[in-house]
């Protein structure tokens, strides 16, 4: 059976993380093209952010807590999706699809969920980049071709809230270097804050404007960096909103960040990215973009994929300020 001819309403369970959701864009656009005329609904924590990307007809925000997900079952059953494509590899996502009343459930046969899937696919061995693994899930639909790089479509109309956050005139018209401070995965992905402060100081000396980005949980770190670096430095930590983030990133000349969703989104918007990797494998999750630089100096214990480092964090401490500066200057210079 070729699901491309039998599916009427496809529900795609998106990943839980922003970066994984961005990496799913090539697969989602390939589905939209390959299932022309069929209804597609995206379900996931970041689904509403994908409105306007030309990837689906409906977007349902999916809660993160187990209790709220159970409460959402009646609403999702009312979608009457006959097919569910699972991008997460968890057994929870397969159980949820079964509760939603799907006739066909597709996904990788991982986490002991093979019997819950009508179309279990063997996990890739060896592992591939996450973008490519998502595209490989489309084989039951007869779809194999997709763009290799996530691409984010920005709205044609501006948003005055962006001007309030990051004006386009004055001191901020000089090259602006976003510095993303956080990582939802855990502290093992973080570059030491003293090096972030040193990077900001050196960027200022070179006539560049550091722009700090992050959630309210990073405000203490941001305040310490501002106090240390001083001068022409902008902190937007805790001030933006998810719907503003793509447009905000587009106003930067470059982003320095760890292995985070913001780095993936910046690359998809078309902004050069210098991504600092430590406990994870850039071969699996590095941002894909036309001007992305990955700095990874793995010790023997990396990649460990642990959210917290049990030793002295050697993978991230191996990355020096000077090499990050060199990568920044090379890419900003190429854009001038």
C-alpha atoms as a PDB file:
ATOM      1  CA  UNK A   1       0.000   0.000   0.000  1.00  0.00           C
ATOM      2  CA  UNK A   2       1.301   3.441  -0.966  1.00  0.00           C
ATOM      3  CA  UNK A   3       0.076   5.878   1.640  1.00  0.00           C
ATOM      4  CA  UNK A   4       0.412   8.721  -0.835  1.00  0.00           C
ATOM      5  CA  UNK A   5      -2.782   7.477  -2.491  1.00  0.00           C
ATOM      6  CA  UNK A   6      -4.667   6.345   0.637  1.00  0.00           C
ATOM      7  CA  UNK A   7      -4.071   9.100   3.176  1.00  0.00           C
ATOM      8  CA  UNK A   8      -6.759  11.756   3.430  1.00  0.00           C
ATOM      9  CA  UNK A   9      -5.737  13.669   6.538  1.00  0.00           C
ATOM     10  CA  UNK A  10      -2.155  13.402   7.774  1.00  0.00           C
ATOM     11  CA  UNK A  11      -1.312  14.475  11.303  1.00  0.00           C
ATOM     12  CA  UNK A  12       2.397  15.039  11.899  1.00  0.00           C
ATOM     13  CA  UNK A  13       3.541  14.808  15.501  1.00  0.00           C
ATOM     14  CA  UNK A  14       6.372  17.304  15.619  1.00  0.00           C
ATOM     15  CA  UNK A  15       9.425  17.045  17.886  1.00  0.00           C
ATOM     16  CA  UNK A  16       9.412  18.618  21.325  1.00  0.00           C
ATOM     17  CA  UNK A  17      12.473  20.809  20.722  1.00  0.00           C
ATOM     18  CA  UNK A  18      12.720  23.954  18.602  1.00  0.00           C
ATOM     19  CA  UNK A  19      15.904  22.844  16.856  1.00  0.00           C
ATOM     20  CA  UNK A  20      14.440  19.478  15.871  1.00  0.00           C
ATOM     21  CA  UNK A  21      11.307  21.230  14.629  1.00  0.00           C
ATOM     22  CA  UNK A  22      13.414  23.456  12.382  1.00  0.00           C
ATOM     23  CA  UNK A  23      15.334  20.412  11.129  1.00  0.00           C
ATOM     24  CA  UNK A  24      11.995  18.828  10.185  1.00  0.00           C
ATOM     25  CA  UNK A  25      11.161  21.611   7.707  1.00  0.00           C
ATOM     26  CA  UNK A  26      12.623  19.870   4.615  1.00  0.00           C
ATOM     27  CA  UNK A  27      10.563  16.744   5.368  1.00  0.00           C
ATOM     28  CA  UNK A  28       7.437  18.795   6.015  1.00  0.00           C
ATOM     29  CA  UNK A  29       7.752  20.714   2.758  1.00  0.00           C
ATOM     30  CA  UNK A  30       8.378  17.471   0.860  1.00  0.00           C
ATOM     31  CA  UNK A  31       5.184  16.077   2.384  1.00  0.00           C
ATOM     32  CA  UNK A  32       3.245  19.191   1.397  1.00  0.00           C
ATOM     33  CA  UNK A  33       4.436  18.802  -2.187  1.00  0.00           C
ATOM     34  CA  UNK A  34       4.056  15.024  -2.366  1.00  0.00           C
ATOM     35  CA  UNK A  35       0.603  14.959  -0.774  1.00  0.00           C
ATOM     36  CA  UNK A  36      -0.804  17.835  -2.776  1.00  0.00           C
ATOM     37  CA  UNK A  37      -4.493  18.310  -2.045  1.00  0.00           C
ATOM     38  CA  UNK A  38      -4.471  16.250   1.166  1.00  0.00           C
ATOM     39  CA  UNK A  39      -5.008  17.879   4.530  1.00  0.00           C
ATOM     40  CA  UNK A  40      -1.942  18.095   6.788  1.00  0.00           C
ATOM     41  CA  UNK A  41      -2.061  19.135  10.442  1.00  0.00           C
ATOM     42  CA  UNK A  42       1.036  19.714  12.569  1.00  0.00           C
ATOM     43  CA  UNK A  43       0.876  18.929  16.282  1.00  0.00           C
ATOM     44  CA  UNK A  44       3.688  19.896  18.622  1.00  0.00           C
ATOM     45  CA  UNK A  45       4.884  22.447  21.184  1.00  0.00           C
ATOM     46  CA  UNK A  46       6.290  24.647  18.394  1.00  0.00           C
ATOM     47  CA  UNK A  47       3.606  23.962  15.762  1.00  0.00           C
ATOM     48  CA  UNK A  48       2.062  27.486  15.784  1.00  0.00           C
ATOM     49  CA  UNK A  49       5.463  28.964  14.944  1.00  0.00           C
ATOM     50  CA  UNK A  50       5.381  27.101  11.615  1.00  0.00           C
ATOM     51  CA  UNK A  51       2.286  28.916  10.367  1.00  0.00           C
ATOM     52  CA  UNK A  52       3.331  30.793   7.262  1.00  0.00           C
ATOM     53  CA  UNK A  53       5.978  28.246   6.273  1.00  0.00           C
ATOM     54  CA  UNK A  54       3.807  26.634   3.608  1.00  0.00           C
ATOM     55  CA  UNK A  55       4.098  23.240   5.254  1.00  0.00           C
ATOM     56  CA  UNK A  56       0.570  22.429   6.486  1.00  0.00           C
ATOM     57  CA  UNK A  57      -3.075  23.426   6.733  1.00  0.00           C
ATOM     58  CA  UNK A  58      -3.507  23.277  10.505  1.00  0.00           C
ATOM     59  CA  UNK A  59      -1.316  23.906  13.538  1.00  0.00           C
ATOM     60  CA  UNK A  60      -2.082  22.585  17.023  1.00  0.00           C
ATOM     61  CA  UNK A  61       0.007  23.558  20.036  1.00  0.00           C
ATOM     62  CA  UNK A  62       0.738  20.402  21.997  1.00  0.00           C
ATOM     63  CA  UNK A  63       1.272  20.714  25.763  1.00  0.00           C
ATOM     64  CA  UNK A  64       4.397  19.366  27.425  1.00  0.00           C
ATOM     65  CA  UNK A  65       2.978  17.861  30.605  1.00  0.00           C
ATOM     66  CA  UNK A  66       1.544  14.317  30.562  1.00  0.00           C
ATOM     67  CA  UNK A  67      -1.632  15.441  32.323  1.00  0.00           C
ATOM     68  CA  UNK A  68      -2.366  18.163  29.772  1.00  0.00           C
ATOM     69  CA  UNK A  69      -1.583  15.805  26.888  1.00  0.00           C
ATOM     70  CA  UNK A  70      -4.167  13.353  28.159  1.00  0.00           C
ATOM     71  CA  UNK A  71      -6.657  16.195  28.458  1.00  0.00           C
ATOM     72  CA  UNK A  72      -5.948  17.118  24.814  1.00  0.00           C
ATOM     73  CA  UNK A  73      -6.896  13.659  23.482  1.00  0.00           C
ATOM     74  CA  UNK A  74     -10.576  14.500  22.719  1.00  0.00           C
ATOM     75  CA  UNK A  75      -9.567  17.592  20.733  1.00  0.00           C
ATOM     76  CA  UNK A  76      -7.019  15.617  18.723  1.00  0.00           C
ATOM     77  CA  UNK A  77      -9.483  12.777  18.061  1.00  0.00           C
ATOM     78  CA  UNK A  78     -11.830  15.369  16.570  1.00  0.00           C
ATOM     79  CA  UNK A  79      -9.222  16.091  13.933  1.00  0.00           C
ATOM     80  CA  UNK A  80     -10.093  12.680  12.472  1.00  0.00           C
ATOM     81  CA  UNK A  81      -6.616  12.160  11.131  1.00  0.00           C
ATOM     82  CA  UNK A  82      -6.456   8.775   9.439  1.00  0.00           C
ATOM     83  CA  UNK A  83      -2.641   8.793   9.415  1.00  0.00           C
ATOM     84  CA  UNK A  84      -0.109   9.979  11.998  1.00  0.00           C
ATOM     85  CA  UNK A  85       3.561  10.440  11.191  1.00  0.00           C
ATOM     86  CA  UNK A  86       5.710  10.401  14.315  1.00  0.00           C
ATOM     87  CA  UNK A  87       8.881  12.466  14.232  1.00  0.00           C
ATOM     88  CA  UNK A  88       9.735  11.845  17.919  1.00  0.00           C
ATOM     89  CA  UNK A  89      11.102   8.381  18.717  1.00  0.00           C
ATOM     90  CA  UNK A  90       9.313   7.957  22.049  1.00  0.00           C
ATOM     91  CA  UNK A  91       6.747   5.322  22.956  1.00  0.00           C
ATOM     92  CA  UNK A  92       4.632   8.155  24.395  1.00  0.00           C
ATOM     93  CA  UNK A  93       4.133   9.648  20.943  1.00  0.00           C
ATOM     94  CA  UNK A  94       3.007   6.274  19.544  1.00  0.00           C
ATOM     95  CA  UNK A  95       0.560   5.726  22.402  1.00  0.00           C
ATOM     96  CA  UNK A  96      -0.833   9.210  21.853  1.00  0.00           C
ATOM     97  CA  UNK A  97      -1.344   8.554  18.127  1.00  0.00           C
ATOM     98  CA  UNK A  98      -3.229   5.383  19.000  1.00  0.00           C
ATOM     99  CA  UNK A  99      -5.454   7.355  21.389  1.00  0.00           C
ATOM    100  CA  UNK A 100      -6.121   9.902  18.646  1.00  0.00           C
ATOM    101  CA  UNK A 101      -7.767   7.137  16.628  1.00  0.00           C
ATOM    102  CA  UNK A 102      -5.334   7.001  13.721  1.00  0.00           C
ATOM    103  CA  UNK A 103      -5.726   4.113  11.295  1.00  0.00           C
ATOM    104  CA  UNK A 104      -2.090   4.214  10.224  1.00  0.00           C
ATOM    105  CA  UNK A 105       0.848   5.191  12.433  1.00  0.00           C
ATOM    106  CA  UNK A 106       4.327   5.622  10.986  1.00  0.00           C
ATOM    107  CA  UNK A 107       7.646   6.068  12.727  1.00  0.00           C
ATOM    108  CA  UNK A 108      10.941   4.506  13.602  1.00  0.00           C
ATOM    109  CA  UNK A 109      10.639   1.259  15.576  1.00  0.00           C
ATOM    110  CA  UNK A 110      12.414   2.543  18.673  1.00  0.00           C
ATOM    111  CA  UNK A 111      11.714   2.675  22.405  1.00  0.00           C
ATOM    112  CA  UNK A 112       9.807  -0.624  22.312  1.00  0.00           C
ATOM    113  CA  UNK A 113       6.923   0.833  20.303  1.00  0.00           C
ATOM    114  CA  UNK A 114       7.171  -1.294  17.158  1.00  0.00           C
ATOM    115  CA  UNK A 115       3.855  -3.089  17.732  1.00  0.00           C
ATOM    116  CA  UNK A 116       2.022   0.225  18.024  1.00  0.00           C
ATOM    117  CA  UNK A 117       3.101   1.230  14.522  1.00  0.00           C
ATOM    118  CA  UNK A 118       1.291   0.139  11.367  1.00  0.00           C
ATOM    119  CA  UNK A 119       4.394   1.112   9.379  1.00  0.00           C
ATOM    120  CA  UNK A 120       7.463   0.539  11.577  1.00  0.00           C
ATOM    121  CA  UNK A 121      10.681   1.696   9.944  1.00  0.00           C
ATOM    122  CA  UNK A 122      14.064   0.386  11.109  1.00  0.00           C
ATOM    123  CA  UNK A 123      16.160   3.090  12.779  1.00  0.00           C
ATOM    124  CA  UNK A 124      18.993   4.285  10.529  1.00  0.00           C
ATOM    125  CA  UNK A 125      22.258   2.468  11.141  1.00  0.00           C
ATOM    126  CA  UNK A 126      24.614   4.183  11.254  1.00  0.00           C
ATOM    127  CA  UNK A 127      22.860   7.305  12.410  1.00  0.00           C
ATOM    128  CA  UNK A 128      22.436  10.156   9.938  1.00  0.00           C
ATOM    129  CA  UNK A 129      21.950  13.872  10.350  1.00  0.00           C
ATOM    130  CA  UNK A 130      18.554  14.573  11.891  1.00  0.00           C
ATOM    131  CA  UNK A 131      17.356  16.407   8.759  1.00  0.00           C
ATOM    132  CA  UNK A 132      18.033  13.286   6.685  1.00  0.00           C
ATOM    133  CA  UNK A 133      16.487  10.920   9.222  1.00  0.00           C
ATOM    134  CA  UNK A 134      13.248  12.887   9.125  1.00  0.00           C
ATOM    135  CA  UNK A 135      13.215  12.774   5.320  1.00  0.00           C
ATOM    136  CA  UNK A 136      13.806   8.994   5.380  1.00  0.00           C
ATOM    137  CA  UNK A 137      10.526   8.619   7.292  1.00  0.00           C
ATOM    138  CA  UNK A 138       8.660   9.643   4.143  1.00  0.00           C
ATOM    139  CA  UNK A 139       9.463   6.423   2.253  1.00  0.00           C
ATOM    140  CA  UNK A 140       5.971   4.874   2.859  1.00  0.00           C
ATOM    141  CA  UNK A 141       4.512   7.897   1.037  1.00  0.00           C
ATOM    142  CA  UNK A 142       6.780   7.297  -1.938  1.00  0.00           C
ATOM    143  CA  UNK A 143       8.682  10.501  -1.167  1.00  0.00           C
ATOM    144  CA  UNK A 144      12.467  10.493  -1.191  1.00  0.00           C
ATOM    145  CA  UNK A 145      13.524  13.943  -2.419  1.00  0.00           C
ATOM    146  CA  UNK A 146      13.677  16.978  -0.169  1.00  0.00           C
ATOM    147  CA  UNK A 147      15.719  20.133   0.101  1.00  0.00           C
ATOM    148  CA  UNK A 148      18.861  19.382   2.146  1.00  0.00           C
ATOM    149  CA  UNK A 149      18.815  22.575   4.209  1.00  0.00           C
ATOM    150  CA  UNK A 150      16.031  23.950   6.418  1.00  0.00           C
ATOM    151  CA  UNK A 151      14.751  27.264   5.087  1.00  0.00           C
ATOM    152  CA  UNK A 152      12.640  29.727   7.077  1.00  0.00           C
ATOM    153  CA  UNK A 153      10.250  32.070   5.256  1.00  0.00           C
ATOM    154  CA  UNK A 154      10.034  35.498   6.877  1.00  0.00           C
ATOM    155  CA  UNK A 155       6.803  37.514   6.606  1.00  0.00           C
ATOM    156  CA  UNK A 156       6.854  40.351   4.098  1.00  0.00           C
ATOM    157  CA  UNK A 157       5.352  42.817   6.555  1.00  0.00           C
ATOM    158  CA  UNK A 158       7.419  44.121   9.451  1.00  0.00           C
ATOM    159  CA  UNK A 159       6.574  44.135  13.135  1.00  0.00           C
ATOM    160  CA  UNK A 160       6.938  47.305  15.146  1.00  0.00           C
ATOM    161  CA  UNK A 161       7.752  45.218  18.193  1.00  0.00           C
ATOM    162  CA  UNK A 162      11.020  44.248  16.497  1.00  0.00           C
ATOM    163  CA  UNK A 163      11.950  47.915  16.104  1.00  0.00           C
ATOM    164  CA  UNK A 164      11.397  48.355  19.820  1.00  0.00           C
ATOM    165  CA  UNK A 165      13.712  45.440  20.580  1.00  0.00           C
ATOM    166  CA  UNK A 166      16.418  46.020  17.995  1.00  0.00           C
ATOM    167  CA  UNK A 167      16.233  49.326  16.097  1.00  0.00           C
ATOM    168  CA  UNK A 168      17.802  49.490  12.663  1.00  0.00           C
ATOM    169  CA  UNK A 169      19.377  52.911  13.182  1.00  0.00           C
ATOM    170  CA  UNK A 170      22.050  54.337  15.446  1.00  0.00           C
ATOM    171  CA  UNK A 171      24.743  52.336  17.188  1.00  0.00           C
ATOM    172  CA  UNK A 172      22.950  49.077  16.465  1.00  0.00           C
ATOM    173  CA  UNK A 173      23.346  49.652  12.724  1.00  0.00           C
ATOM    174  CA  UNK A 174      26.947  48.459  13.140  1.00  0.00           C
ATOM    175  CA  UNK A 175      27.454  44.696  12.728  1.00  0.00           C
ATOM    176  CA  UNK A 176      25.393  42.985  15.407  1.00  0.00           C
ATOM    177  CA  UNK A 177      26.592  39.678  16.808  1.00  0.00           C
ATOM    178  CA  UNK A 178      23.966  37.669  18.621  1.00  0.00           C
ATOM    179  CA  UNK A 179      25.234  35.732  21.622  1.00  0.00           C
ATOM    180  CA  UNK A 180      22.742  33.089  22.685  1.00  0.00           C
ATOM    181  CA  UNK A 181      23.384  32.219  26.324  1.00  0.00           C
ATOM    182  CA  UNK A 182      21.210  29.202  27.091  1.00  0.00           C
ATOM    183  CA  UNK A 183      20.457  25.616  26.181  1.00  0.00           C
ATOM    184  CA  UNK A 184      17.247  23.888  27.256  1.00  0.00           C
ATOM    185  CA  UNK A 185      18.945  20.481  27.073  1.00  0.00           C
ATOM    186  CA  UNK A 186      21.070  21.165  30.148  1.00  0.00           C
ATOM    187  CA  UNK A 187      24.231  22.913  31.394  1.00  0.00           C
ATOM    188  CA  UNK A 188      26.556  20.478  29.627  1.00  0.00           C
ATOM    189  CA  UNK A 189      26.020  22.401  26.367  1.00  0.00           C
ATOM    190  CA  UNK A 190      26.923  25.776  27.855  1.00  0.00           C
ATOM    191  CA  UNK A 191      30.137  27.650  27.171  1.00  0.00           C
ATOM    192  CA  UNK A 192      31.558  29.101  30.430  1.00  0.00           C
ATOM    193  CA  UNK A 193      30.130  32.523  31.238  1.00  0.00           C
ATOM    194  CA  UNK A 194      33.569  34.088  31.765  1.00  0.00           C
ATOM    195  CA  UNK A 195      34.414  33.241  28.155  1.00  0.00           C
ATOM    196  CA  UNK A 196      31.136  34.663  26.949  1.00  0.00           C
ATOM    197  CA  UNK A 197      32.014  37.909  28.763  1.00  0.00           C
ATOM    198  CA  UNK A 198      35.524  37.899  27.265  1.00  0.00           C
ATOM    199  CA  UNK A 199      34.048  37.335  23.804  1.00  0.00           C
ATOM    200  CA  UNK A 200      31.735  40.322  24.230  1.00  0.00           C
ATOM    201  CA  UNK A 201      34.628  42.538  25.315  1.00  0.00           C
ATOM    202  CA  UNK A 202      36.699  41.529  22.293  1.00  0.00           C
ATOM    203  CA  UNK A 203      33.785  42.014  19.914  1.00  0.00           C
ATOM    204  CA  UNK A 204      33.343  45.561  21.213  1.00  0.00           C
ATOM    205  CA  UNK A 205      37.043  46.278  20.681  1.00  0.00           C
ATOM    206  CA  UNK A 206      36.606  45.264  17.049  1.00  0.00           C
ATOM    207  CA  UNK A 207      33.688  47.621  16.500  1.00  0.00           C
ATOM    208  CA  UNK A 208      31.015  44.921  16.680  1.00  0.00           C
ATOM    209  CA  UNK A 209      27.885  45.119  18.824  1.00  0.00           C
ATOM    210  CA  UNK A 210      27.138  42.068  20.988  1.00  0.00           C
ATOM    211  CA  UNK A 211      23.429  41.326  21.385  1.00  0.00           C
ATOM    212  CA  UNK A 212      22.638  38.926  24.221  1.00  0.00           C
ATOM    213  CA  UNK A 213      19.723  36.539  23.704  1.00  0.00           C
ATOM    214  CA  UNK A 214      18.107  34.060  26.051  1.00  0.00           C
ATOM    215  CA  UNK A 215      15.191  33.226  28.285  1.00  0.00           C
ATOM    216  CA  UNK A 216      14.437  34.856  31.656  1.00  0.00           C
ATOM    217  CA  UNK A 217      16.359  32.021  33.330  1.00  0.00           C
ATOM    218  CA  UNK A 218      19.571  33.465  31.823  1.00  0.00           C
ATOM    219  CA  UNK A 219      19.048  36.990  33.170  1.00  0.00           C
ATOM    220  CA  UNK A 220      21.622  36.600  35.952  1.00  0.00           C
ATOM    221  CA  UNK A 221      24.258  35.467  33.463  1.00  0.00           C
ATOM    222  CA  UNK A 222      23.338  38.322  31.121  1.00  0.00           C
ATOM    223  CA  UNK A 223      23.606  40.889  33.909  1.00  0.00           C
ATOM    224  CA  UNK A 224      27.057  39.609  34.852  1.00  0.00           C
ATOM    225  CA  UNK A 225      28.221  39.800  31.232  1.00  0.00           C
ATOM    226  CA  UNK A 226      26.866  43.345  30.838  1.00  0.00           C
ATOM    227  CA  UNK A 227      28.642  44.407  34.027  1.00  0.00           C
ATOM    228  CA  UNK A 228      31.899  42.845  32.821  1.00  0.00           C
ATOM    229  CA  UNK A 229      31.810  43.959  29.178  1.00  0.00           C
ATOM    230  CA  UNK A 230      29.973  47.282  29.500  1.00  0.00           C
ATOM    231  CA  UNK A 231      29.713  49.809  26.692  1.00  0.00           C
ATOM    232  CA  UNK A 232      27.905  49.107  23.450  1.00  0.00           C
ATOM    233  CA  UNK A 233      26.198  45.897  24.444  1.00  0.00           C
ATOM    234  CA  UNK A 234      22.513  45.077  24.134  1.00  0.00           C
ATOM    235  CA  UNK A 235      20.718  42.536  26.282  1.00  0.00           C
ATOM    236  CA  UNK A 236      17.405  41.195  24.982  1.00  0.00           C
ATOM    237  CA  UNK A 237      17.436  38.295  27.423  1.00  0.00           C
ATOM    238  CA  UNK A 238      13.880  37.530  28.494  1.00  0.00           C
ATOM    239  CA  UNK A 239      12.453  40.315  26.312  1.00  0.00           C
ATOM    240  CA  UNK A 240      11.573  38.612  23.037  1.00  0.00           C
ATOM    241  CA  UNK A 241       8.778  36.174  22.181  1.00  0.00           C
ATOM    242  CA  UNK A 242       8.720  33.001  20.066  1.00  0.00           C
ATOM    243  CA  UNK A 243       6.784  34.637  17.239  1.00  0.00           C
ATOM    244  CA  UNK A 244       9.350  37.480  17.101  1.00  0.00           C
ATOM    245  CA  UNK A 245      12.425  35.286  17.217  1.00  0.00           C
ATOM    246  CA  UNK A 246      12.829  34.567  13.466  1.00  0.00           C
ATOM    247  CA  UNK A 247      12.554  38.262  12.573  1.00  0.00           C
ATOM    248  CA  UNK A 248      14.855  39.220  15.425  1.00  0.00           C
ATOM    249  CA  UNK A 249      17.508  36.751  14.313  1.00  0.00           C
ATOM    250  CA  UNK A 250      17.238  38.067  10.750  1.00  0.00           C
ATOM    251  CA  UNK A 251      18.354  41.499  12.017  1.00  0.00           C
ATOM    252  CA  UNK A 252      21.657  40.060  13.232  1.00  0.00           C
ATOM    253  CA  UNK A 253      24.819  39.825  11.167  1.00  0.00           C
ATOM    254  CA  UNK A 254      25.851  36.583  12.881  1.00  0.00           C
ATOM    255  CA  UNK A 255      24.876  34.371  15.795  1.00  0.00           C
ATOM    256  CA  UNK A 256      27.197  32.650  18.239  1.00  0.00           C
ATOM    257  CA  UNK A 257      25.423  29.870  20.093  1.00  0.00           C
ATOM    258  CA  UNK A 258      25.646  26.378  21.406  1.00  0.00           C
ATOM    259  CA  UNK A 259      23.830  23.301  20.053  1.00  0.00           C
ATOM    260  CA  UNK A 260      20.402  24.888  20.492  1.00  0.00           C
ATOM    261  CA  UNK A 261      17.209  25.513  18.601  1.00  0.00           C
ATOM    262  CA  UNK A 262      18.010  29.203  18.248  1.00  0.00           C
ATOM    263  CA  UNK A 263      21.170  28.331  16.291  1.00  0.00           C
ATOM    264  CA  UNK A 264      19.130  26.118  13.947  1.00  0.00           C
ATOM    265  CA  UNK A 265      16.523  28.840  13.471  1.00  0.00           C
ATOM    266  CA  UNK A 266      19.185  31.468  12.737  1.00  0.00           C
ATOM    267  CA  UNK A 267      20.774  29.244  10.099  1.00  0.00           C
ATOM    268  CA  UNK A 268      17.357  28.592   8.531  1.00  0.00           C
ATOM    269  CA  UNK A 269      16.694  32.337   8.397  1.00  0.00           C
ATOM    270  CA  UNK A 270      19.992  32.735   6.513  1.00  0.00           C
ATOM    271  CA  UNK A 271      22.128  34.252   9.258  1.00  0.00           C
ATOM    272  CA  UNK A 272      25.737  33.005   9.575  1.00  0.00           C
ATOM    273  CA  UNK A 273      26.152  30.853  12.683  1.00  0.00           C
ATOM    274  CA  UNK A 274      29.173  29.933  14.777  1.00  0.00           C
ATOM    275  CA  UNK A 275      27.981  26.890  16.716  1.00  0.00           C
ATOM    276  CA  UNK A 276      29.915  25.639  19.742  1.00  0.00           C
ATOM    277  CA  UNK A 277      29.526  21.899  20.279  1.00  0.00           C
ATOM    278  CA  UNK A 278      30.626  19.770  23.211  1.00  0.00           C
ATOM    279  CA  UNK A 279      28.585  16.841  24.570  1.00  0.00           C
ATOM    280  CA  UNK A 280      26.616  16.276  21.344  1.00  0.00           C
ATOM    281  CA  UNK A 281      27.627  15.186  17.854  1.00  0.00           C
ATOM    282  CA  UNK A 282      27.568  17.853  15.109  1.00  0.00           C
ATOM    283  CA  UNK A 283      27.381  15.070  12.542  1.00  0.00           C
ATOM    284  CA  UNK A 284      23.852  14.450  13.813  1.00  0.00           C
ATOM    285  CA  UNK A 285      22.551  17.882  14.760  1.00  0.00           C
ATOM    286  CA  UNK A 286      24.792  20.680  13.465  1.00  0.00           C
ATOM    287  CA  UNK A 287      22.839  23.637  12.049  1.00  0.00           C
ATOM    288  CA  UNK A 288      22.719  23.517   8.266  1.00  0.00           C
ATOM    289  CA  UNK A 289      23.162  26.846   6.586  1.00  0.00           C
ATOM    290  CA  UNK A 290      25.123  28.567   3.829  1.00  0.00           C
ATOM    291  CA  UNK A 291      27.596  30.073   6.296  1.00  0.00           C
ATOM    292  CA  UNK A 292      27.647  27.868   9.372  1.00  0.00           C
ATOM    293  CA  UNK A 293      30.849  27.147  11.280  1.00  0.00           C
ATOM    294  CA  UNK A 294      30.964  24.385  13.887  1.00  0.00           C
ATOM    295  CA  UNK A 295      33.661  24.464  16.548  1.00  0.00           C
ATOM    296  CA  UNK A 296      33.998  21.079  18.249  1.00  0.00           C
ATOM    297  CA  UNK A 297      37.087  19.933  20.124  1.00  0.00           C
ATOM    298  CA  UNK A 298      35.902  16.648  21.605  1.00  0.00           C
ATOM    299  CA  UNK A 299      37.840  14.930  24.368  1.00  0.00           C
ATOM    300  CA  UNK A 300      37.677  11.104  24.535  1.00  0.00           C
ATOM    301  CA  UNK A 301      34.404  11.263  26.511  1.00  0.00           C
ATOM    302  CA  UNK A 302      32.549  13.269  23.859  1.00  0.00           C
ATOM    303  CA  UNK A 303      29.884  12.918  22.576  1.00  0.00           C
ATOM    304  CA  UNK A 304      28.344  11.725  25.831  1.00  0.00           C
ATOM    305  CA  UNK A 305      24.863  13.266  25.298  1.00  0.00           C
ATOM    306  CA  UNK A 306      24.596  13.897  29.054  1.00  0.00           C
ATOM    307  CA  UNK A 307      22.662  17.000  30.127  1.00  0.00           C
ATOM    308  CA  UNK A 308      25.105  17.580  32.999  1.00  0.00           C
ATOM    309  CA  UNK A 309      28.832  16.972  32.898  1.00  0.00           C
ATOM    310  CA  UNK A 310      30.021  14.700  35.742  1.00  0.00           C
ATOM    311  CA  UNK A 311      33.614  15.954  35.487  1.00  0.00           C
ATOM    312  CA  UNK A 312      35.241  19.306  34.589  1.00  0.00           C
ATOM    313  CA  UNK A 313      33.355  20.010  31.362  1.00  0.00           C
ATOM    314  CA  UNK A 314      36.442  19.485  29.154  1.00  0.00           C
ATOM    315  CA  UNK A 315      34.551  19.556  25.840  1.00  0.00           C
ATOM    316  CA  UNK A 316      33.271  23.128  26.185  1.00  0.00           C
ATOM    317  CA  UNK A 317      36.301  24.433  28.070  1.00  0.00           C
ATOM    318  CA  UNK A 318      38.515  23.312  25.186  1.00  0.00           C
ATOM    319  CA  UNK A 319      36.967  26.029  23.001  1.00  0.00           C
ATOM    320  CA  UNK A 320      38.944  29.269  23.254  1.00  0.00           C
ATOM    321  CA  UNK A 321      37.794  32.850  22.828  1.00  0.00           C
ATOM    322  CA  UNK A 322      40.311  33.597  20.071  1.00  0.00           C
ATOM    323  CA  UNK A 323      39.141  30.820  17.772  1.00  0.00           C
ATOM    324  CA  UNK A 324      35.527  31.922  18.175  1.00  0.00           C
ATOM    325  CA  UNK A 325      36.567  35.492  17.367  1.00  0.00           C
ATOM    326  CA  UNK A 326      38.408  34.323  14.253  1.00  0.00           C
ATOM    327  CA  UNK A 327      35.322  32.462  13.039  1.00  0.00           C
ATOM    328  CA  UNK A 328      33.113  35.499  13.715  1.00  0.00           C
ATOM    329  CA  UNK A 329      35.397  37.957  11.950  1.00  0.00           C
ATOM    330  CA  UNK A 330      35.805  35.693   8.906  1.00  0.00           C
ATOM    331  CA  UNK A 331      32.048  35.469   8.392  1.00  0.00           C
ATOM    332  CA  UNK A 332      31.171  39.067   9.243  1.00  0.00           C
ATOM    333  CA  UNK A 333      33.952  40.269   6.950  1.00  0.00           C
ATOM    334  CA  UNK A 334      32.553  38.191   4.105  1.00  0.00           C
ATOM    335  CA  UNK A 335      29.157  39.895   4.497  1.00  0.00           C
ATOM    336  CA  UNK A 336      30.480  43.464   4.420  1.00  0.00           C
END
